[in-house]
Amino acid sequence: MAEPESIALTVDEIVVRVSPGTTVAAAALIAGSHTRLSIAGEPRAPLCGMGICFECRVAINGVPHQRSCQILCAPGMRVTTGRELAIR
């Protein structure tokens, strides 16, 4: 079977289309979202890109604390970054 030309997923209620092989961290950045908030409420983004720093944690399909730099996007995936907390 041929791979799809693009994958659609939702990041903070924004539909994003990415190429197969794209990480969730990259999709979050494309959507204009940070990946989480610090304890002080500051937006954080991926730092190391290899799953060591945990700055890229998001909720994927309702499962919290997923390292977005280590997970590839899948069709229909729902990602929540905590952006709604920063908008308040």
N, C-alpha and C. Protein backbone atom coordinates (compact mmCIF):
# COMPACT_ATOMS: atom_id res chain seq x y z
N MET A 1 0.83 -1.19 0.00
CA MET A 1 0.00 0.00 0.00
C MET A 1 0.87 1.25 0.00
N ALA A 2 0.45 2.23 -0.74
CA ALA A 2 1.19 3.49 -0.80
C ALA A 2 0.87 4.34 0.43
N GLU A 3 1.86 5.09 0.90
CA GLU A 3 1.64 6.00 2.02
C GLU A 3 0.80 7.18 1.57
N PRO A 4 -0.02 7.74 2.48
CA PRO A 4 -0.80 8.93 2.10
C PRO A 4 0.14 10.11 1.85
N GLU A 5 -0.30 11.01 0.98
CA GLU A 5 0.51 12.19 0.70
C GLU A 5 0.61 13.10 1.91
N SER A 6 -0.44 13.15 2.71
CA SER A 6 -0.40 13.94 3.94
C SER A 6 -1.29 13.29 4.99
N ILE A 7 -1.03 13.65 6.22
CA ILE A 7 -1.77 13.14 7.37
C ILE A 7 -2.46 14.33 8.03
N ALA A 8 -3.74 14.17 8.34
CA ALA A 8 -4.48 15.23 9.04
C ALA A 8 -4.61 14.83 10.51
N LEU A 9 -4.28 15.77 11.39
CA LEU A 9 -4.46 15.59 12.81
C LEU A 9 -4.89 16.91 13.40
N THR A 10 -5.32 16.89 14.66
CA THR A 10 -5.77 18.11 15.32
C THR A 10 -4.82 18.45 16.45
N VAL A 11 -4.36 19.70 16.44
CA VAL A 11 -3.51 20.21 17.52
C VAL A 11 -4.24 21.40 18.12
N ASP A 12 -4.67 21.25 19.36
CA ASP A 12 -5.42 22.33 20.03
C ASP A 12 -6.58 22.83 19.17
N GLU A 13 -7.35 21.88 18.65
CA GLU A 13 -8.54 22.16 17.83
C GLU A 13 -8.21 22.77 16.46
N ILE A 14 -6.95 22.80 16.07
CA ILE A 14 -6.54 23.29 14.75
C ILE A 14 -6.17 22.08 13.91
N VAL A 15 -6.80 21.94 12.74
CA VAL A 15 -6.46 20.82 11.85
C VAL A 15 -5.16 21.16 11.14
N VAL A 16 -4.23 20.22 11.23
CA VAL A 16 -2.91 20.38 10.62
C VAL A 16 -2.70 19.22 9.66
N ARG A 17 -2.13 19.50 8.49
CA ARG A 17 -1.78 18.45 7.54
C ARG A 17 -0.26 18.40 7.45
N VAL A 18 0.29 17.21 7.64
CA VAL A 18 1.74 17.04 7.62
C VAL A 18 2.10 15.85 6.75
N SER A 19 3.36 15.76 6.39
CA SER A 19 3.86 14.63 5.61
C SER A 19 4.04 13.41 6.50
N PRO A 20 3.90 12.22 5.97
CA PRO A 20 4.20 11.02 6.76
C PRO A 20 5.63 11.12 7.31
N GLY A 21 5.82 10.65 8.53
CA GLY A 21 7.14 10.72 9.15
C GLY A 21 7.37 11.97 9.97
N THR A 22 6.39 12.88 10.02
CA THR A 22 6.50 14.11 10.80
C THR A 22 6.21 13.82 12.27
N THR A 23 7.02 14.38 13.16
CA THR A 23 6.77 14.19 14.59
C THR A 23 5.62 15.08 15.06
N VAL A 24 5.04 14.68 16.17
CA VAL A 24 3.98 15.48 16.78
C VAL A 24 4.52 16.84 17.21
N ALA A 25 5.77 16.90 17.65
CA ALA A 25 6.38 18.18 18.03
C ALA A 25 6.39 19.15 16.84
N ALA A 26 6.75 18.66 15.67
CA ALA A 26 6.77 19.51 14.47
C ALA A 26 5.35 19.96 14.12
N ALA A 27 4.37 19.07 14.25
CA ALA A 27 2.98 19.44 13.96
C ALA A 27 2.50 20.52 14.91
N ALA A 28 2.89 20.43 16.18
CA ALA A 28 2.50 21.45 17.15
C ALA A 28 3.09 22.80 16.77
N LEU A 29 4.33 22.81 16.34
CA LEU A 29 4.96 24.07 15.92
C LEU A 29 4.28 24.62 14.67
N ILE A 30 3.92 23.74 13.73
CA ILE A 30 3.21 24.18 12.52
C ILE A 30 1.87 24.81 12.90
N ALA A 31 1.22 24.26 13.91
CA ALA A 31 -0.09 24.78 14.36
C ALA A 31 0.05 26.08 15.15
N GLY A 32 1.29 26.47 15.44
CA GLY A 32 1.51 27.70 16.20
C GLY A 32 1.39 27.52 17.70
N SER A 33 1.51 26.28 18.15
CA SER A 33 1.39 25.99 19.58
C SER A 33 2.74 25.70 20.19
N HIS A 34 2.88 26.02 21.46
CA HIS A 34 4.02 25.53 22.23
C HIS A 34 3.65 24.11 22.64
N THR A 35 4.53 23.40 23.29
CA THR A 35 4.20 22.03 23.66
C THR A 35 3.70 21.88 25.09
N ARG A 36 4.02 22.79 25.98
CA ARG A 36 3.49 22.72 27.34
C ARG A 36 3.78 24.03 28.04
N LEU A 37 3.32 24.15 29.28
CA LEU A 37 3.60 25.32 30.10
C LEU A 37 4.55 24.93 31.22
N SER A 38 5.45 25.83 31.58
CA SER A 38 6.32 25.58 32.73
C SER A 38 5.51 25.73 34.01
N ILE A 39 6.11 25.42 35.13
CA ILE A 39 5.43 25.58 36.42
C ILE A 39 5.01 27.03 36.63
N ALA A 40 5.79 27.97 36.10
CA ALA A 40 5.48 29.39 36.23
C ALA A 40 4.47 29.86 35.18
N GLY A 41 4.02 28.95 34.29
CA GLY A 41 3.05 29.32 33.28
C GLY A 41 3.64 29.84 31.98
N GLU A 42 4.95 29.70 31.81
CA GLU A 42 5.61 30.16 30.58
C GLU A 42 5.52 29.08 29.51
N PRO A 43 5.28 29.47 28.25
CA PRO A 43 5.22 28.47 27.18
C PRO A 43 6.59 27.81 26.98
N ARG A 44 6.58 26.50 26.78
CA ARG A 44 7.80 25.73 26.54
C ARG A 44 7.70 25.11 25.16
N ALA A 45 8.83 24.75 24.60
CA ALA A 45 8.89 24.12 23.28
C ALA A 45 9.91 22.99 23.32
N PRO A 46 9.91 22.14 22.30
CA PRO A 46 10.90 21.07 22.27
C PRO A 46 12.31 21.65 22.37
N LEU A 47 13.16 20.95 23.09
CA LEU A 47 14.53 21.42 23.29
C LEU A 47 15.54 20.45 22.71
N CYS A 48 15.56 19.22 23.20
CA CYS A 48 16.61 18.29 22.78
C CYS A 48 16.24 17.52 21.51
N GLY A 49 14.97 17.27 21.27
CA GLY A 49 14.55 16.54 20.08
C GLY A 49 14.83 15.05 20.13
N MET A 50 15.25 14.53 21.29
CA MET A 50 15.51 13.10 21.38
C MET A 50 14.92 12.47 22.63
N GLY A 51 13.96 13.12 23.25
CA GLY A 51 13.20 12.53 24.34
C GLY A 51 13.84 12.56 25.70
N ILE A 52 14.90 13.32 25.88
CA ILE A 52 15.59 13.35 27.17
C ILE A 52 15.09 14.48 28.06
N CYS A 53 14.80 15.64 27.50
CA CYS A 53 14.51 16.82 28.32
C CYS A 53 13.05 16.91 28.79
N PHE A 54 12.13 16.23 28.12
CA PHE A 54 10.71 16.22 28.47
C PHE A 54 10.03 17.58 28.30
N GLU A 55 10.65 18.52 27.61
CA GLU A 55 10.03 19.84 27.35
C GLU A 55 8.93 19.74 26.30
N CYS A 56 8.87 18.65 25.58
CA CYS A 56 7.92 18.52 24.47
C CYS A 56 6.65 17.77 24.85
N ARG A 57 6.40 17.57 26.13
CA ARG A 57 5.26 16.76 26.54
C ARG A 57 3.92 17.39 26.15
N VAL A 58 3.05 16.55 25.62
CA VAL A 58 1.69 16.93 25.24
C VAL A 58 0.75 15.78 25.60
N ALA A 59 -0.54 16.01 25.50
CA ALA A 59 -1.52 14.92 25.61
C ALA A 59 -1.88 14.49 24.20
N ILE A 60 -1.83 13.19 23.96
CA ILE A 60 -2.18 12.64 22.65
C ILE A 60 -3.34 11.68 22.85
N ASN A 61 -4.45 11.99 22.18
CA ASN A 61 -5.66 11.18 22.30
C ASN A 61 -6.04 10.97 23.77
N GLY A 62 -5.87 12.03 24.57
CA GLY A 62 -6.26 12.00 25.97
C GLY A 62 -5.23 11.43 26.93
N VAL A 63 -4.10 10.94 26.41
CA VAL A 63 -3.06 10.38 27.26
C VAL A 63 -2.02 11.47 27.52
N PRO A 64 -1.87 11.96 28.77
CA PRO A 64 -0.96 13.06 29.06
C PRO A 64 0.51 12.64 29.08
N HIS A 65 1.37 13.62 29.04
CA HIS A 65 2.82 13.48 29.22
C HIS A 65 3.49 12.62 28.15
N GLN A 66 3.01 12.74 26.91
CA GLN A 66 3.64 12.02 25.80
C GLN A 66 4.75 12.89 25.22
N ARG A 67 5.91 12.31 24.97
CA ARG A 67 7.03 13.07 24.40
C ARG A 67 6.81 13.23 22.90
N SER A 68 6.37 14.43 22.51
CA SER A 68 5.97 14.67 21.12
C SER A 68 7.11 14.59 20.13
N CYS A 69 8.33 14.75 20.58
CA CYS A 69 9.47 14.67 19.65
C CYS A 69 9.78 13.23 19.27
N GLN A 70 9.20 12.27 19.98
CA GLN A 70 9.48 10.86 19.75
C GLN A 70 8.32 10.12 19.08
N ILE A 71 7.22 10.80 18.84
CA ILE A 71 6.01 10.16 18.32
C ILE A 71 5.68 10.74 16.95
N LEU A 72 5.47 9.84 15.99
CA LEU A 72 5.09 10.27 14.64
C LEU A 72 3.60 10.53 14.57
N CYS A 73 3.22 11.48 13.76
CA CYS A 73 1.81 11.82 13.56
C CYS A 73 1.08 10.65 12.91
N ALA A 74 -0.17 10.49 13.31
CA ALA A 74 -1.04 9.47 12.74
C ALA A 74 -2.36 10.14 12.35
N PRO A 75 -3.02 9.62 11.33
CA PRO A 75 -4.30 10.21 10.91
C PRO A 75 -5.31 10.25 12.06
N GLY A 76 -5.96 11.40 12.21
CA GLY A 76 -6.99 11.56 13.22
C GLY A 76 -6.49 11.80 14.64
N MET A 77 -5.20 11.84 14.83
CA MET A 77 -4.63 12.05 16.17
C MET A 77 -5.12 13.38 16.73
N ARG A 78 -5.40 13.41 18.03
CA ARG A 78 -5.83 14.64 18.71
C ARG A 78 -4.78 15.00 19.74
N VAL A 79 -4.16 16.16 19.56
CA VAL A 79 -3.07 16.61 20.42
C VAL A 79 -3.53 17.84 21.20
N THR A 80 -3.26 17.84 22.48
CA THR A 80 -3.56 18.99 23.34
C THR A 80 -2.26 19.42 24.00
N THR A 81 -1.92 20.71 23.86
CA THR A 81 -0.63 21.18 24.34
C THR A 81 -0.69 21.98 25.63
N GLY A 82 -1.84 22.43 26.03
CA GLY A 82 -1.93 23.32 27.18
C GLY A 82 -2.00 24.78 26.75
N ARG A 83 -2.03 25.00 25.45
CA ARG A 83 -2.11 26.36 24.92
C ARG A 83 -3.31 27.12 25.48
N GLU A 84 -4.42 26.42 25.67
CA GLU A 84 -5.63 27.09 26.18
C GLU A 84 -5.39 27.66 27.56
N LEU A 85 -4.48 27.09 28.33
CA LEU A 85 -4.16 27.63 29.65
C LEU A 85 -3.39 28.93 29.54
N ALA A 86 -2.56 29.06 28.51
CA ALA A 86 -1.75 30.25 28.33
C ALA A 86 -2.57 31.42 27.80
N ILE A 87 -3.69 31.13 27.15
CA ILE A 87 -4.51 32.18 26.55
C ILE A 87 -5.33 32.92 27.59
N ARG A 88 -5.61 32.28 28.70
CA ARG A 88 -6.46 32.90 29.74
C ARG A 88 -5.99 34.24 30.18
